[in-house]
Amino acid sequence: MTEGHGSSERFAVSIAVHEDYIPARAADELDYQFAGLLHCEVKDPWQAAPSSTLVVDLTGLTFCDSTGIGVLVLLLQQSRQQ
C-alpha cells in the first residue's frame, strides 16, 4: 500500500493505493482553487493501476462549488472509460 497527501489550510486529500482499489478522502473546502489538486492527486496513482476501483470519500467536505462538482464528474467519466 502506498499513500499520498495533498493539503492546504482549506483543503486536504489523502490517497492510499491497495491491490484492487484506491480510496481517496477529501476534507474541508473543494472549490475552484483546490479542484485541480484533487484531480492531480487521484490521477497519478489511478493511471498506475487503471484496473483499480476508485473510491472517493467526500464525508469530510464542508463546501463544494461547481468546479469541485466538475472534477467529480470528470472522475466519473474517466472511470466509465476505464
N, C-alpha and C. Protein backbone atom coordinates (compact mmCIF):
# COMPACT_ATOMS: atom_id res chain seq x y z
N MET A 1 0.85 -1.17 0.00
CA MET A 1 0.00 0.00 0.00
C MET A 1 0.89 1.23 0.00
N THR A 2 0.54 2.21 -0.81
CA THR A 2 1.23 3.49 -0.79
C THR A 2 0.22 4.58 -0.49
N GLU A 3 0.72 5.68 0.04
CA GLU A 3 -0.18 6.77 0.39
C GLU A 3 0.37 8.09 -0.11
N GLY A 4 -0.53 9.01 -0.42
CA GLY A 4 -0.15 10.35 -0.81
C GLY A 4 -1.07 11.34 -0.14
N HIS A 5 -0.55 12.53 0.06
CA HIS A 5 -1.35 13.56 0.72
C HIS A 5 -1.12 14.89 0.04
N GLY A 6 -2.19 15.60 -0.24
CA GLY A 6 -2.11 16.97 -0.71
C GLY A 6 -2.95 17.79 0.23
N SER A 7 -2.41 18.92 0.66
CA SER A 7 -3.21 19.69 1.60
C SER A 7 -2.85 21.17 1.56
N SER A 8 -3.73 21.92 2.11
CA SER A 8 -3.55 23.35 2.32
C SER A 8 -4.29 23.68 3.61
N GLU A 9 -4.42 24.95 3.89
CA GLU A 9 -5.17 25.33 5.09
C GLU A 9 -6.67 25.09 4.94
N ARG A 10 -7.16 25.02 3.69
CA ARG A 10 -8.61 24.88 3.48
C ARG A 10 -9.00 23.60 2.76
N PHE A 11 -8.07 22.77 2.38
CA PHE A 11 -8.41 21.55 1.66
C PHE A 11 -7.36 20.49 1.95
N ALA A 12 -7.80 19.27 2.09
CA ALA A 12 -6.88 18.15 2.29
C ALA A 12 -7.40 16.95 1.51
N VAL A 13 -6.48 16.22 0.92
CA VAL A 13 -6.82 14.98 0.22
C VAL A 13 -5.78 13.94 0.59
N SER A 14 -6.24 12.73 0.87
CA SER A 14 -5.32 11.64 1.13
C SER A 14 -5.68 10.47 0.21
N ILE A 15 -4.67 9.83 -0.31
CA ILE A 15 -4.83 8.74 -1.26
C ILE A 15 -4.07 7.53 -0.73
N ALA A 16 -4.67 6.38 -0.81
CA ALA A 16 -3.99 5.13 -0.49
C ALA A 16 -4.19 4.20 -1.68
N VAL A 17 -3.19 3.44 -2.01
CA VAL A 17 -3.29 2.52 -3.13
C VAL A 17 -3.19 1.09 -2.60
N HIS A 18 -4.24 0.33 -2.81
CA HIS A 18 -4.28 -1.08 -2.43
C HIS A 18 -4.26 -1.90 -3.71
N GLU A 19 -4.27 -3.20 -3.60
CA GLU A 19 -4.20 -4.06 -4.79
C GLU A 19 -5.31 -3.80 -5.79
N ASP A 20 -6.54 -3.68 -5.32
CA ASP A 20 -7.65 -3.58 -6.26
C ASP A 20 -8.53 -2.34 -6.08
N TYR A 21 -8.15 -1.45 -5.18
CA TYR A 21 -8.92 -0.22 -5.06
C TYR A 21 -8.04 0.92 -4.54
N ILE A 22 -8.50 2.13 -4.83
CA ILE A 22 -7.79 3.35 -4.43
C ILE A 22 -8.78 4.22 -3.65
N PRO A 23 -8.66 4.25 -2.33
CA PRO A 23 -9.52 5.15 -1.57
C PRO A 23 -8.92 6.56 -1.53
N ALA A 24 -9.74 7.54 -1.85
CA ALA A 24 -9.33 8.95 -1.79
C ALA A 24 -10.28 9.65 -0.83
N ARG A 25 -9.72 10.37 0.11
CA ARG A 25 -10.54 11.10 1.08
C ARG A 25 -10.28 12.60 0.93
N ALA A 26 -11.34 13.34 0.74
CA ALA A 26 -11.24 14.79 0.61
C ALA A 26 -11.89 15.44 1.83
N ALA A 27 -11.27 16.50 2.32
CA ALA A 27 -11.80 17.17 3.50
C ALA A 27 -11.71 18.69 3.33
N ASP A 28 -12.57 19.37 4.03
CA ASP A 28 -12.65 20.82 4.08
C ASP A 28 -13.34 21.38 2.84
N GLU A 29 -12.73 22.32 2.11
CA GLU A 29 -13.40 23.03 1.03
C GLU A 29 -12.85 22.63 -0.34
N LEU A 30 -13.71 22.04 -1.16
CA LEU A 30 -13.34 21.69 -2.53
C LEU A 30 -13.93 22.76 -3.44
N ASP A 31 -13.08 23.70 -3.87
CA ASP A 31 -13.54 24.79 -4.71
C ASP A 31 -12.60 24.98 -5.89
N TYR A 32 -12.79 26.06 -6.63
CA TYR A 32 -12.01 26.31 -7.84
C TYR A 32 -10.51 26.30 -7.57
N GLN A 33 -10.11 26.69 -6.38
CA GLN A 33 -8.69 26.75 -6.05
C GLN A 33 -8.09 25.35 -5.83
N PHE A 34 -8.89 24.40 -5.37
CA PHE A 34 -8.36 23.10 -4.98
C PHE A 34 -8.86 21.93 -5.82
N ALA A 35 -9.77 22.17 -6.74
CA ALA A 35 -10.30 21.09 -7.58
C ALA A 35 -9.18 20.43 -8.38
N GLY A 36 -8.28 21.23 -8.92
CA GLY A 36 -7.15 20.68 -9.67
C GLY A 36 -6.24 19.82 -8.82
N LEU A 37 -6.07 20.18 -7.55
CA LEU A 37 -5.26 19.39 -6.63
C LEU A 37 -5.87 18.01 -6.44
N LEU A 38 -7.19 17.94 -6.26
CA LEU A 38 -7.85 16.64 -6.11
C LEU A 38 -7.61 15.80 -7.36
N HIS A 39 -7.81 16.39 -8.53
CA HIS A 39 -7.64 15.64 -9.77
C HIS A 39 -6.21 15.14 -9.92
N CYS A 40 -5.24 15.99 -9.65
CA CYS A 40 -3.83 15.58 -9.78
C CYS A 40 -3.45 14.50 -8.79
N GLU A 41 -3.92 14.62 -7.55
CA GLU A 41 -3.59 13.63 -6.53
C GLU A 41 -4.18 12.26 -6.87
N VAL A 42 -5.34 12.23 -7.50
CA VAL A 42 -6.00 10.98 -7.85
C VAL A 42 -5.45 10.41 -9.17
N LYS A 43 -5.13 11.29 -10.10
CA LYS A 43 -4.77 10.89 -11.46
C LYS A 43 -3.55 9.97 -11.53
N ASP A 44 -2.47 10.33 -10.88
CA ASP A 44 -1.23 9.55 -11.00
C ASP A 44 -1.36 8.12 -10.46
N PRO A 45 -1.85 7.92 -9.22
CA PRO A 45 -1.98 6.54 -8.76
C PRO A 45 -3.01 5.75 -9.57
N TRP A 46 -4.04 6.42 -10.04
CA TRP A 46 -5.08 5.73 -10.81
C TRP A 46 -4.54 5.31 -12.18
N GLN A 47 -3.71 6.14 -12.80
CA GLN A 47 -3.10 5.77 -14.07
C GLN A 47 -2.11 4.63 -13.90
N ALA A 48 -1.47 4.57 -12.75
CA ALA A 48 -0.51 3.50 -12.48
C ALA A 48 -1.22 2.16 -12.26
N ALA A 49 -2.46 2.21 -11.84
CA ALA A 49 -3.25 0.99 -11.59
C ALA A 49 -4.64 1.17 -12.19
N PRO A 50 -4.75 1.21 -13.53
CA PRO A 50 -6.02 1.55 -14.17
C PRO A 50 -7.16 0.56 -13.92
N SER A 51 -6.84 -0.66 -13.52
CA SER A 51 -7.92 -1.62 -13.27
C SER A 51 -8.45 -1.51 -11.85
N SER A 52 -7.86 -0.64 -11.06
CA SER A 52 -8.31 -0.45 -9.68
C SER A 52 -9.60 0.36 -9.64
N THR A 53 -10.39 0.09 -8.62
CA THR A 53 -11.61 0.85 -8.39
C THR A 53 -11.26 2.09 -7.57
N LEU A 54 -11.71 3.24 -8.01
CA LEU A 54 -11.51 4.48 -7.27
C LEU A 54 -12.71 4.71 -6.37
N VAL A 55 -12.44 4.93 -5.09
CA VAL A 55 -13.49 5.23 -4.11
C VAL A 55 -13.17 6.61 -3.54
N VAL A 56 -14.07 7.57 -3.74
CA VAL A 56 -13.85 8.93 -3.27
C VAL A 56 -14.78 9.19 -2.08
N ASP A 57 -14.20 9.42 -0.92
CA ASP A 57 -14.94 9.70 0.30
C ASP A 57 -15.03 11.22 0.47
N LEU A 58 -16.24 11.74 0.40
CA LEU A 58 -16.47 13.19 0.48
C LEU A 58 -17.10 13.60 1.81
N THR A 59 -17.16 12.68 2.76
CA THR A 59 -17.84 13.00 4.02
C THR A 59 -17.15 14.10 4.81
N GLY A 60 -15.87 14.35 4.55
CA GLY A 60 -15.15 15.40 5.24
C GLY A 60 -15.27 16.77 4.61
N LEU A 61 -15.97 16.87 3.48
CA LEU A 61 -16.12 18.18 2.83
C LEU A 61 -17.09 19.06 3.61
N THR A 62 -16.74 20.32 3.73
CA THR A 62 -17.64 21.30 4.33
C THR A 62 -18.22 22.22 3.27
N PHE A 63 -17.61 22.21 2.05
CA PHE A 63 -18.06 23.07 0.97
C PHE A 63 -17.58 22.48 -0.34
N CYS A 64 -18.40 22.59 -1.39
CA CYS A 64 -18.01 22.16 -2.73
C CYS A 64 -18.71 23.07 -3.72
N ASP A 65 -17.93 23.77 -4.56
CA ASP A 65 -18.54 24.64 -5.56
C ASP A 65 -18.66 23.89 -6.90
N SER A 66 -19.08 24.60 -7.92
CA SER A 66 -19.33 23.96 -9.21
C SER A 66 -18.05 23.41 -9.84
N THR A 67 -16.90 24.01 -9.56
CA THR A 67 -15.64 23.48 -10.09
C THR A 67 -15.32 22.14 -9.44
N GLY A 68 -15.57 22.04 -8.15
CA GLY A 68 -15.39 20.77 -7.44
C GLY A 68 -16.31 19.69 -7.99
N ILE A 69 -17.56 20.05 -8.23
CA ILE A 69 -18.51 19.11 -8.84
C ILE A 69 -18.01 18.70 -10.22
N GLY A 70 -17.47 19.65 -10.97
CA GLY A 70 -16.94 19.35 -12.30
C GLY A 70 -15.82 18.33 -12.27
N VAL A 71 -14.93 18.43 -11.30
CA VAL A 71 -13.84 17.45 -11.18
C VAL A 71 -14.41 16.08 -10.80
N LEU A 72 -15.40 16.04 -9.94
CA LEU A 72 -16.02 14.77 -9.58
C LEU A 72 -16.70 14.13 -10.79
N VAL A 73 -17.37 14.93 -11.61
CA VAL A 73 -17.99 14.42 -12.84
C VAL A 73 -16.92 13.93 -13.80
N LEU A 74 -15.81 14.67 -13.92
CA LEU A 74 -14.70 14.24 -14.77
C LEU A 74 -14.15 12.90 -14.31
N LEU A 75 -13.98 12.71 -13.01
CA LEU A 75 -13.51 11.43 -12.49
C LEU A 75 -14.50 10.31 -12.79
N LEU A 76 -15.79 10.60 -12.68
CA LEU A 76 -16.81 9.62 -13.02
C LEU A 76 -16.72 9.23 -14.49
N GLN A 77 -16.58 10.21 -15.37
CA GLN A 77 -16.46 9.92 -16.80
C GLN A 77 -15.21 9.10 -17.10
N GLN A 78 -14.11 9.43 -16.44
CA GLN A 78 -12.88 8.67 -16.65
C GLN A 78 -13.02 7.24 -16.15
N SER A 79 -13.75 7.05 -15.06
CA SER A 79 -13.95 5.69 -14.55
C SER A 79 -14.80 4.87 -15.51
N ARG A 80 -15.76 5.49 -16.14
CA ARG A 80 -16.59 4.78 -17.11
C ARG A 80 -15.79 4.40 -18.35
N GLN A 81 -14.84 5.24 -18.74
CA GLN A 81 -14.00 4.93 -19.90
C GLN A 81 -13.04 3.78 -19.61
N GLN A 82 -12.63 3.67 -18.36
CA GLN A 82 -11.71 2.59 -17.99
C GLN A 82 -12.46 1.31 -17.80
